Protein backbone atom coordinates (compact mmCIF):
# COMPACT_ATOMS: atom_id res chain seq x y z
CA ASP A 1 0.00 0.00 0.00
CA SER A 2 1.24 3.45 -0.91
CA VAL A 3 -0.06 6.99 -0.73
CA ILE A 4 1.09 9.56 -3.23
CA THR A 5 0.21 13.21 -2.87
CA LEU A 6 0.22 15.08 -6.16
CA PRO A 7 -0.35 18.76 -6.70
CA ARG A 8 -2.58 19.69 -9.65
CA GLY A 9 -0.78 19.40 -12.95
CA SER A 10 1.91 17.00 -11.76
CA ALA A 11 2.54 13.38 -12.73
CA ALA A 12 4.11 10.31 -11.15
CA LEU A 13 5.63 7.26 -12.83
CA ILE A 14 5.36 4.00 -10.94
CA SER A 15 7.21 0.99 -12.32
CA SER A 16 8.52 -2.35 -11.22
CA ALA A 17 11.62 -4.34 -11.93
CA ALA A 18 10.24 -7.88 -11.69
CA PRO A 19 12.76 -10.74 -11.49
CA ALA A 20 10.94 -12.62 -14.26
CA GLU A 21 11.26 -11.27 -17.77
CA GLY A 22 8.03 -9.81 -19.18
CA LYS A 23 6.48 -9.16 -15.76
CA ASP A 24 7.53 -5.52 -15.48
CA PHE A 25 4.87 -2.84 -15.48
CA ALA A 26 4.69 0.93 -15.54
CA VAL A 27 1.84 3.22 -14.54
CA ILE A 28 1.77 6.95 -15.00
CA LEU A 29 -0.59 9.04 -12.89
CA HIS A 30 -1.43 12.55 -13.99
CA TYR A 31 -3.46 14.83 -11.75
CA ALA A 32 -5.26 17.28 -14.00
CA GLU A 33 -8.05 19.76 -13.51
CA GLU A 34 -11.47 18.28 -14.11
CA ARG A 35 -12.79 19.45 -17.45
CA SER A 36 -15.93 21.48 -17.20
CA GLN A 37 -18.81 19.81 -18.95
CA GLY A 38 -20.84 23.00 -18.83
CA ASN A 39 -24.38 23.07 -17.60
CA PRO A 40 -26.66 20.91 -19.75
CA GLN A 41 -29.84 22.44 -18.32
CA VAL A 42 -28.82 26.04 -19.06
CA THR A 43 -27.38 25.02 -22.44
CA ALA A 44 -30.65 23.31 -23.44
CA LEU A 45 -32.72 26.29 -22.27
CA PHE A 46 -30.67 28.78 -24.31
CA GLU A 47 -30.65 26.48 -27.35
CA GLN A 48 -34.46 26.53 -27.27
CA MET A 49 -34.44 30.31 -27.07
CA ARG A 50 -31.94 30.57 -29.94
CA LYS A 51 -33.97 28.25 -32.14
CA GLY A 52 -37.17 30.13 -31.31
CA THR A 53 -38.79 27.05 -29.77
CA TYR A 54 -38.92 28.26 -26.16
CA ALA A 55 -42.63 28.63 -25.50
CA HIS A 56 -43.16 28.44 -21.74
CA ARG A 57 -43.92 31.82 -20.26
CA TRP A 58 -43.28 31.09 -16.58
CA PHE A 59 -39.92 30.92 -14.85
CA PRO A 60 -37.90 27.88 -16.03
CA LYS A 61 -36.77 25.22 -13.59
CA LEU A 62 -33.39 26.57 -12.57
CA GLY A 63 -31.53 26.63 -9.28
CA TRP A 64 -28.71 28.37 -7.44
CA LYS A 65 -26.23 25.91 -8.98
CA ASP A 66 -27.10 27.29 -12.44
CA ILE A 67 -25.92 30.84 -11.71
CA PRO A 68 -22.29 30.32 -12.85
CA ALA A 69 -23.51 29.05 -16.25
CA LEU A 70 -25.94 31.96 -16.53
CA LEU A 71 -23.15 34.41 -15.70
CA LYS A 72 -21.10 32.95 -18.57
CA MET A 73 -24.03 33.70 -20.89
CA ALA A 74 -24.37 37.27 -19.58
CA ASN A 75 -21.89 38.84 -21.99
CA SER A 76 -23.74 37.57 -25.07
CA GLN A 77 -25.08 40.24 -27.41
CA ARG A 78 -27.03 37.64 -29.45
CA VAL A 79 -30.62 38.69 -30.13
CA LEU A 80 -33.26 36.18 -29.07
CA LYS A 81 -36.76 36.02 -30.50
CA SER A 82 -38.01 33.50 -27.93
CA PHE A 83 -37.41 33.96 -24.18
CA PRO A 84 -39.24 33.92 -20.85
CA THR A 85 -41.40 36.91 -20.00
CA ASN A 86 -44.06 37.63 -17.45
CA PRO A 87 -47.49 36.92 -18.99
CA LEU A 88 -48.95 39.66 -16.77
CA SER A 89 -46.85 42.34 -18.47
CA SER A 90 -48.51 44.80 -20.80
CA GLN A 91 -45.14 45.57 -22.43
CA SER A 92 -44.82 43.44 -25.55
CA MET A 93 -41.33 42.23 -26.45
CA ASP A 94 -40.28 40.82 -29.81
CA GLU A 95 -36.59 40.42 -28.99
CA CYS A 96 -34.16 40.35 -26.11
CA LEU A 97 -30.40 40.18 -25.76
CA GLU A 98 -29.23 36.77 -24.60
CA GLY A 99 -27.09 38.36 -21.88
CA VAL A 100 -30.04 40.36 -20.55
CA ALA A 101 -32.15 37.19 -20.46
CA ALA A 102 -29.39 35.37 -18.54
CA LEU A 103 -29.16 38.15 -15.93
CA TRP A 104 -32.95 38.32 -15.62
CA LEU A 105 -33.00 34.59 -14.87
CA ILE A 106 -30.38 35.14 -12.14
CA GLU A 107 -32.58 37.90 -10.73
CA GLY A 108 -35.45 35.40 -10.69
CA LEU A 109 -33.32 32.96 -8.72
CA GLN A 110 -32.73 35.74 -6.18
CA GLU A 111 -36.52 35.88 -5.94
CA GLY A 112 -36.78 32.19 -5.12
CA GLY A 113 -37.24 30.95 -8.69
CA HIS A 114 -40.04 33.32 -9.62
CA LEU A 115 -40.43 35.87 -12.38
CA PRO A 116 -38.42 38.81 -11.04
CA SER A 117 -40.20 41.59 -12.92
CA LEU A 118 -42.56 42.15 -15.80
CA ASN A 119 -39.96 41.58 -18.53
CA PRO A 120 -36.23 41.08 -19.09
CA ILE A 121 -35.69 44.77 -19.80
CA LEU A 122 -32.98 46.81 -18.10
CA ILE A 123 -34.00 50.39 -17.29
CA ASP A 124 -31.62 53.24 -16.54
CA ARG A 125 -32.99 55.00 -13.45
CA LYS A 126 -32.04 58.44 -14.85
CA ALA A 127 -33.80 57.84 -18.18
CA GLY A 128 -36.91 56.35 -16.58
CA LEU A 129 -39.50 54.00 -18.01
CA PRO A 130 -40.03 54.03 -21.78
CA LEU A 131 -43.81 54.34 -21.51
CA GLY A 132 -45.64 53.82 -24.77
CA GLN A 133 -42.54 52.88 -26.73
CA ALA A 134 -40.55 49.75 -27.29
CA VAL A 135 -37.21 49.36 -25.59
CA SER A 136 -34.50 49.19 -28.21
CA ILE A 137 -31.84 46.53 -28.38
CA GLU A 138 -29.27 49.35 -28.58
CA GLN A 139 -30.44 50.70 -25.22
CA GLN A 140 -30.08 47.21 -23.76
CA ARG A 141 -26.59 46.86 -25.25
CA LYS A 142 -25.53 50.02 -23.43
CA LEU A 143 -26.87 48.84 -20.06
CA LEU A 144 -25.78 45.20 -20.29
CA PRO A 145 -22.07 45.70 -19.37
CA ARG A 146 -23.02 47.65 -16.23
CA ALA A 147 -25.53 45.01 -15.20
CA GLN A 148 -23.13 42.17 -16.00
CA ALA A 149 -20.41 43.73 -13.83
CA ALA A 150 -22.86 44.22 -10.96
CA TYR A 151 -23.98 40.59 -11.10
CA GLY A 152 -20.36 39.39 -11.21
CA VAL A 153 -19.49 41.37 -8.07
CA TRP A 154 -22.70 40.25 -6.36
CA TRP A 155 -22.02 36.58 -7.13
CA LYS A 156 -18.51 36.73 -5.65
CA LYS A 157 -20.05 38.05 -2.42
CA VAL A 158 -22.99 35.63 -2.11
CA LYS A 159 -22.12 32.38 -3.89
CA ASP A 160 -21.35 30.59 -0.65
CA ALA A 161 -24.38 32.04 1.15
CA GLY A 162 -26.88 29.95 -0.82
CA PRO A 163 -30.27 31.00 -2.14
CA ASN A 164 -31.91 34.17 -0.86
CA PRO A 165 -28.77 35.96 0.32
CA GLY A 166 -30.80 39.07 1.17
CA THR A 167 -29.13 41.36 -1.34
CA HIS A 168 -29.73 42.08 -5.01
CA ALA A 169 -27.11 42.65 -7.65
CA LEU A 170 -28.55 45.89 -9.05
CA ASN A 171 -28.98 47.65 -5.70
CA GLY A 172 -27.24 51.02 -5.95
CA GLN A 173 -26.30 50.56 -9.63
CA GLY A 174 -28.73 53.03 -11.18
CA ILE A 175 -30.34 50.21 -13.16
CA PHE A 176 -33.50 48.26 -12.47
CA TRP A 177 -35.67 45.64 -14.15
CA TYR A 178 -38.86 46.66 -15.95
């Protein structure tokens, strides 16, 4: 019996010198980082949205463990034509940035897995609500980096706290959800 302690990235060669010819063996052990397989649930959800086949209007079945995968999606500027919205909203949406949708889903997880607002639309507090007009993708592109940074900072603070950490990413950022 042997115990070998290996730091990540190192290797060990174990071999024998058996007295009988042809009985020697060699084993190499390599301790590598586990490859990330991604998050199949988040990947499948966003594939549906990209293909335009996402049809459910309530909050998807996601959990706290899905936040890192959603944060990776948050920098995407891809325009989606199919995405979750609140069916009680009077604001119609034909398109949404993928990154905005990802952050909105994180916001929903902060709300216990419920729809966090009427729609995945970021609003600049200074500019106010765009009453009677559609929110442009260009406006969302301008607000997305600020929101993404806020969610990244928030996640570093609360990831070990578990669901319902009592704080929201956009608090004090001058941005809110429609």
